[in-house]
Structures are given as C-alpha cells and as structure tokens.
C-alpha cells in the first residue's frame, strides 16, 4: 500500500529541488517535516506542502497510520522551460530560461 502526491510545473529548477529532497529520502514523515521546516532553501516550501498533501492522501484515501509512514520514494524531473528575452546593450537580446520541475512523493507504511 502506498500514497502518492505529485506537483507538476513547479516554478523552480529540478536541480535546486534535488538538493532538498535528498535530505528527506527514506525518513519518517515527522522527521522529514522537521527537516523541511528548518532548511533555508527556496525548494523546501513547495516540497513541505507536497509532503503534507501526501500524508493527507495516505490518511484519508488509503486509511494508513500516519505514525508508521515514511518517504519511500521522492524524485524531481525536469519540466518544460519557459523562454524569456532580456534586452542587452546595442540592440542585442539574451535568452533567459525559467525552468520548471515535476516533484513526486510516494509514502509507505513501515512494517
């Protein structure tokens, strides 16, 4: 039995998200929430919100015991890149890539 939550098109680079999600992989959900609350990274806020959503899914949709839950899988894939243009000197233009990511969390119960 597993509970999932997915955040698509998060407006943060998957490279930045991976730094945060590596901290909570295979941890109990209580410990993972504590780590995310005290991590000073931009990615920790959407990941924390997604983890709370996964916990709610486990509790309400799958009738799982919250005290036994742990982060079984968590990964971030690269989403589509928004391309923007920045004006530069002498009529030139530089490309700005605003990257997005898809974050997925899978929770399971410890035996």
N, C-alpha and C. Protein backbone atom coordinates (compact mmCIF):
# COMPACT_ATOMS: atom_id res chain seq x y z
N UNK A 1 0.85 -1.19 0.00
CA UNK A 1 0.00 0.00 0.00
C UNK A 1 0.89 1.24 0.00
N UNK A 2 0.56 2.18 -0.88
CA UNK A 2 1.35 3.41 -0.96
C UNK A 2 0.43 4.59 -1.25
N UNK A 3 0.87 5.76 -0.84
CA UNK A 3 0.15 7.00 -1.10
C UNK A 3 1.07 7.93 -1.87
N UNK A 4 0.51 8.58 -2.88
CA UNK A 4 1.30 9.45 -3.75
C UNK A 4 0.78 10.87 -3.71
N UNK A 5 1.67 11.79 -4.04
CA UNK A 5 1.30 13.18 -4.30
C UNK A 5 2.27 13.70 -5.34
N UNK A 6 1.75 14.48 -6.29
CA UNK A 6 2.60 14.99 -7.37
C UNK A 6 2.34 16.48 -7.56
N UNK A 7 3.42 17.22 -7.71
CA UNK A 7 3.35 18.64 -8.02
C UNK A 7 3.95 18.82 -9.41
N UNK A 8 3.12 19.25 -10.36
CA UNK A 8 3.58 19.46 -11.72
C UNK A 8 3.83 20.94 -11.97
N UNK A 9 4.79 21.23 -12.80
CA UNK A 9 5.11 22.59 -13.24
C UNK A 9 5.46 23.52 -12.09
N UNK A 10 6.21 23.02 -11.11
CA UNK A 10 6.68 23.89 -10.02
C UNK A 10 7.71 24.86 -10.61
N UNK A 11 7.57 26.14 -10.29
CA UNK A 11 8.45 27.14 -10.90
C UNK A 11 9.79 27.24 -10.17
N UNK A 12 10.49 26.12 -10.13
CA UNK A 12 11.83 26.08 -9.55
C UNK A 12 12.59 24.98 -10.27
N UNK A 13 13.85 25.19 -10.48
CA UNK A 13 14.67 24.23 -11.21
C UNK A 13 14.74 22.89 -10.46
N UNK A 14 14.70 21.79 -11.21
CA UNK A 14 14.76 20.47 -10.58
C UNK A 14 16.10 20.25 -9.89
N UNK A 15 17.12 20.92 -10.36
CA UNK A 15 18.45 20.82 -9.75
C UNK A 15 18.44 21.36 -8.32
N UNK A 16 17.71 22.46 -8.11
CA UNK A 16 17.60 23.05 -6.77
C UNK A 16 16.71 22.20 -5.86
N UNK A 17 15.69 21.58 -6.46
CA UNK A 17 14.77 20.74 -5.68
C UNK A 17 15.49 19.48 -5.20
N UNK A 18 16.34 18.90 -6.04
CA UNK A 18 17.02 17.64 -5.71
C UNK A 18 17.90 17.77 -4.48
N UNK A 19 18.46 18.95 -4.25
CA UNK A 19 19.28 19.18 -3.05
C UNK A 19 18.44 18.97 -1.80
N UNK A 20 17.19 19.47 -1.82
CA UNK A 20 16.30 19.38 -0.66
C UNK A 20 15.72 17.98 -0.50
N UNK A 21 15.30 17.36 -1.61
CA UNK A 21 14.65 16.06 -1.49
C UNK A 21 15.61 14.95 -1.08
N UNK A 22 16.91 15.14 -1.35
CA UNK A 22 17.90 14.15 -0.90
C UNK A 22 17.98 14.10 0.63
N UNK A 23 17.62 15.21 1.29
CA UNK A 23 17.68 15.27 2.75
C UNK A 23 16.60 14.41 3.42
N UNK A 24 15.46 14.21 2.75
CA UNK A 24 14.33 13.55 3.42
C UNK A 24 14.02 12.15 2.88
N UNK A 25 14.78 11.68 1.90
CA UNK A 25 14.52 10.35 1.35
C UNK A 25 14.72 9.27 2.41
N UNK A 26 13.77 8.34 2.51
CA UNK A 26 13.76 7.20 3.46
C UNK A 26 13.65 7.63 4.93
N UNK A 27 13.14 8.81 5.20
CA UNK A 27 12.96 9.27 6.58
C UNK A 27 11.48 9.15 6.97
N UNK A 28 11.19 8.98 8.26
CA UNK A 28 9.79 9.02 8.72
C UNK A 28 9.22 10.42 8.45
N UNK A 29 7.89 10.49 8.25
CA UNK A 29 7.30 11.77 7.84
C UNK A 29 7.45 12.86 8.89
N UNK A 30 7.44 12.52 10.18
CA UNK A 30 7.62 13.52 11.22
C UNK A 30 9.00 14.15 11.16
N UNK A 31 10.00 13.32 10.97
CA UNK A 31 11.38 13.80 10.85
C UNK A 31 11.54 14.62 9.57
N UNK A 32 10.94 14.15 8.48
CA UNK A 32 11.04 14.84 7.19
C UNK A 32 10.41 16.24 7.27
N UNK A 33 9.26 16.36 7.93
CA UNK A 33 8.63 17.67 8.08
C UNK A 33 9.51 18.61 8.90
N UNK A 34 10.15 18.08 9.94
CA UNK A 34 11.05 18.88 10.75
C UNK A 34 12.26 19.38 9.96
N UNK A 35 12.81 18.49 9.13
CA UNK A 35 13.96 18.87 8.30
C UNK A 35 13.56 19.97 7.32
N UNK A 36 12.40 19.79 6.67
CA UNK A 36 11.96 20.78 5.68
C UNK A 36 11.64 22.14 6.31
N UNK A 37 11.09 22.10 7.53
CA UNK A 37 10.75 23.36 8.20
C UNK A 37 12.00 24.16 8.55
N UNK A 38 13.14 23.48 8.75
CA UNK A 38 14.36 24.15 9.17
C UNK A 38 15.43 24.23 8.08
N UNK A 39 15.05 23.97 6.84
CA UNK A 39 16.00 24.05 5.73
C UNK A 39 15.83 25.39 5.02
N UNK A 40 16.87 26.22 4.99
CA UNK A 40 16.74 27.56 4.39
C UNK A 40 16.94 27.54 2.87
N UNK A 41 16.15 26.76 2.17
CA UNK A 41 16.22 26.69 0.71
C UNK A 41 14.86 27.05 0.14
N UNK A 42 14.84 27.62 -1.05
CA UNK A 42 13.58 28.01 -1.68
C UNK A 42 12.71 26.79 -1.98
N UNK A 43 13.33 25.65 -2.27
CA UNK A 43 12.59 24.44 -2.64
C UNK A 43 11.91 23.77 -1.46
N UNK A 44 12.32 24.10 -0.23
CA UNK A 44 11.77 23.40 0.93
C UNK A 44 10.29 23.72 1.15
N UNK A 45 9.84 24.90 0.76
CA UNK A 45 8.43 25.27 0.95
C UNK A 45 7.48 24.44 0.08
N UNK A 46 7.68 24.36 -1.26
CA UNK A 46 6.77 23.52 -2.05
C UNK A 46 6.89 22.03 -1.72
N UNK A 47 8.08 21.56 -1.35
CA UNK A 47 8.25 20.15 -1.01
C UNK A 47 7.52 19.83 0.30
N UNK A 48 7.58 20.74 1.26
CA UNK A 48 6.87 20.55 2.54
C UNK A 48 5.36 20.50 2.31
N UNK A 49 4.86 21.39 1.47
CA UNK A 49 3.44 21.44 1.15
C UNK A 49 3.01 20.14 0.47
N UNK A 50 3.85 19.64 -0.43
CA UNK A 50 3.56 18.39 -1.14
C UNK A 50 3.59 17.19 -0.20
N UNK A 51 4.52 17.19 0.74
CA UNK A 51 4.60 16.10 1.72
C UNK A 51 3.34 16.08 2.59
N UNK A 52 2.87 17.25 3.01
CA UNK A 52 1.63 17.31 3.80
C UNK A 52 0.45 16.80 2.98
N UNK A 53 0.44 17.08 1.71
CA UNK A 53 -0.62 16.58 0.82
C UNK A 53 -0.57 15.06 0.72
N UNK A 54 0.63 14.51 0.60
CA UNK A 54 0.79 13.05 0.52
C UNK A 54 0.35 12.38 1.82
N UNK A 55 0.64 13.02 2.96
CA UNK A 55 0.21 12.48 4.26
C UNK A 55 -1.31 12.48 4.33
N UNK A 56 -1.94 13.56 3.89
CA UNK A 56 -3.41 13.64 3.89
C UNK A 56 -4.01 12.59 2.96
N UNK A 57 -3.38 12.36 1.81
CA UNK A 57 -3.85 11.31 0.89
C UNK A 57 -3.78 9.94 1.55
N UNK A 58 -2.67 9.67 2.24
CA UNK A 58 -2.47 8.38 2.90
C UNK A 58 -3.53 8.15 3.98
N UNK A 59 -3.79 9.21 4.74
CA UNK A 59 -4.72 9.11 5.87
C UNK A 59 -6.17 8.98 5.38
N UNK A 60 -6.57 9.82 4.45
CA UNK A 60 -7.98 9.89 4.05
C UNK A 60 -8.36 8.90 2.94
N UNK A 61 -7.49 8.73 1.96
CA UNK A 61 -7.84 7.88 0.82
C UNK A 61 -7.46 6.41 1.01
N UNK A 62 -6.40 6.15 1.78
CA UNK A 62 -5.89 4.78 1.92
C UNK A 62 -5.97 4.24 3.34
N UNK A 63 -6.49 5.03 4.28
CA UNK A 63 -6.63 4.64 5.69
C UNK A 63 -5.33 4.10 6.29
N UNK A 64 -4.24 4.79 6.01
CA UNK A 64 -2.94 4.38 6.53
C UNK A 64 -2.67 5.10 7.86
N UNK A 65 -1.84 4.48 8.70
CA UNK A 65 -1.48 5.04 10.01
C UNK A 65 -0.35 6.05 9.82
N UNK A 66 -0.61 7.32 10.17
CA UNK A 66 0.35 8.39 9.93
C UNK A 66 1.65 8.18 10.71
N UNK A 67 1.56 7.58 11.89
CA UNK A 67 2.77 7.40 12.71
C UNK A 67 3.73 6.37 12.11
N UNK A 68 3.26 5.51 11.20
CA UNK A 68 4.11 4.50 10.59
C UNK A 68 4.62 4.89 9.19
N UNK A 69 4.22 6.05 8.70
CA UNK A 69 4.58 6.45 7.34
C UNK A 69 6.03 6.89 7.23
N UNK A 70 6.63 6.61 6.07
CA UNK A 70 7.96 7.12 5.75
C UNK A 70 8.02 7.44 4.26
N UNK A 71 9.00 8.26 3.89
CA UNK A 71 9.15 8.69 2.50
C UNK A 71 9.87 7.57 1.74
N UNK A 72 9.10 6.75 1.03
CA UNK A 72 9.67 5.61 0.31
C UNK A 72 10.38 6.06 -0.96
N UNK A 73 9.73 6.92 -1.73
CA UNK A 73 10.33 7.44 -2.97
C UNK A 73 10.07 8.93 -3.03
N UNK A 74 11.02 9.66 -3.55
CA UNK A 74 10.82 11.08 -3.84
C UNK A 74 11.78 11.45 -4.95
N UNK A 75 11.25 12.07 -5.99
CA UNK A 75 12.10 12.44 -7.11
C UNK A 75 11.56 13.69 -7.80
N UNK A 76 12.45 14.39 -8.48
CA UNK A 76 12.09 15.59 -9.23
C UNK A 76 12.58 15.44 -10.65
N UNK A 77 11.68 15.62 -11.60
CA UNK A 77 12.02 15.55 -13.02
C UNK A 77 11.94 16.96 -13.61
N UNK A 78 12.67 17.18 -14.66
CA UNK A 78 12.66 18.48 -15.30
C UNK A 78 11.37 18.66 -16.09
N UNK A 79 10.74 19.81 -15.92
CA UNK A 79 9.53 20.14 -16.67
C UNK A 79 9.89 21.02 -17.86
N UNK A 80 8.88 21.57 -18.53
CA UNK A 80 9.16 22.45 -19.66
C UNK A 80 9.83 23.75 -19.20
N UNK A 81 10.64 24.32 -20.07
CA UNK A 81 11.36 25.55 -19.75
C UNK A 81 10.66 26.73 -20.41
N UNK A 82 10.36 27.77 -19.62
CA UNK A 82 9.78 28.99 -20.17
C UNK A 82 10.93 29.84 -20.69
N UNK A 83 10.84 30.26 -21.96
CA UNK A 83 11.92 31.04 -22.55
C UNK A 83 11.53 32.51 -22.59
N UNK A 84 12.38 33.34 -21.99
CA UNK A 84 12.14 34.77 -21.95
C UNK A 84 13.35 35.49 -22.53
N UNK A 85 13.17 36.77 -22.88
CA UNK A 85 14.25 37.52 -23.50
C UNK A 85 14.60 38.73 -22.64
N UNK A 86 15.88 38.95 -22.45
CA UNK A 86 16.38 40.09 -21.68
C UNK A 86 17.09 41.04 -22.65
N UNK A 87 16.66 42.28 -22.73
CA UNK A 87 17.36 43.24 -23.60
C UNK A 87 18.78 43.52 -23.09
N UNK A 88 19.71 43.62 -24.01
CA UNK A 88 21.10 43.91 -23.68
C UNK A 88 21.58 45.11 -24.51
N UNK A 89 22.83 45.47 -24.33
CA UNK A 89 23.37 46.65 -25.00
C UNK A 89 23.44 46.46 -26.51
N UNK A 90 23.34 47.57 -27.23
CA UNK A 90 23.50 47.62 -28.69
C UNK A 90 22.48 46.75 -29.43
N UNK A 91 21.26 46.70 -28.90
CA UNK A 91 20.18 46.01 -29.60
C UNK A 91 20.20 44.50 -29.53
N UNK A 92 21.08 43.96 -28.73
CA UNK A 92 21.13 42.50 -28.60
C UNK A 92 20.09 42.03 -27.58
N UNK A 93 19.86 40.73 -27.59
CA UNK A 93 18.93 40.15 -26.62
C UNK A 93 19.52 38.86 -26.09
N UNK A 94 19.45 38.66 -24.79
CA UNK A 94 19.92 37.42 -24.18
C UNK A 94 18.72 36.58 -23.78
N UNK A 95 18.86 35.29 -23.92
CA UNK A 95 17.79 34.35 -23.58
C UNK A 95 17.84 34.06 -22.09
N UNK A 96 16.69 34.11 -21.43
CA UNK A 96 16.57 33.70 -20.02
C UNK A 96 15.71 32.45 -19.99
N UNK A 97 16.20 31.41 -19.35
CA UNK A 97 15.45 30.16 -19.24
C UNK A 97 14.87 30.04 -17.84
N UNK A 98 13.55 30.07 -17.75
CA UNK A 98 12.88 29.90 -16.46
C UNK A 98 12.46 28.44 -16.37
N UNK A 99 13.19 27.68 -15.58
CA UNK A 99 13.00 26.23 -15.56
C UNK A 99 11.89 25.82 -14.59
N UNK A 100 11.23 24.71 -14.93
CA UNK A 100 10.18 24.16 -14.08
C UNK A 100 10.53 22.72 -13.75
N UNK A 101 9.80 22.15 -12.79
CA UNK A 101 10.06 20.76 -12.41
C UNK A 101 8.77 20.08 -11.98
N UNK A 102 8.78 18.77 -12.06
CA UNK A 102 7.67 17.93 -11.58
C UNK A 102 8.21 17.14 -10.39
N UNK A 103 7.58 17.28 -9.22
CA UNK A 103 8.04 16.61 -8.00
C UNK A 103 7.02 15.55 -7.60
N UNK A 104 7.49 14.35 -7.29
CA UNK A 104 6.61 13.25 -6.89
C UNK A 104 7.08 12.67 -5.56
N UNK A 105 6.12 12.42 -4.66
CA UNK A 105 6.41 11.79 -3.36
C UNK A 105 5.57 10.53 -3.24
N UNK A 106 6.20 9.44 -2.79
CA UNK A 106 5.48 8.19 -2.50
C UNK A 106 5.74 7.83 -1.06
N UNK A 107 4.67 7.67 -0.29
CA UNK A 107 4.77 7.29 1.12
C UNK A 107 4.32 5.84 1.30
N UNK A 108 5.01 5.11 2.19
CA UNK A 108 4.62 3.75 2.52
C UNK A 108 4.62 3.58 4.03
N UNK A 109 3.96 2.54 4.50
CA UNK A 109 3.93 2.23 5.93
C UNK A 109 5.07 1.28 6.29
N UNK A 110 5.72 1.56 7.42
CA UNK A 110 6.73 0.63 7.93
C UNK A 110 6.02 -0.60 8.51
N UNK A 111 6.65 -1.74 8.36
CA UNK A 111 6.03 -2.98 8.88
C UNK A 111 6.17 -3.06 10.38
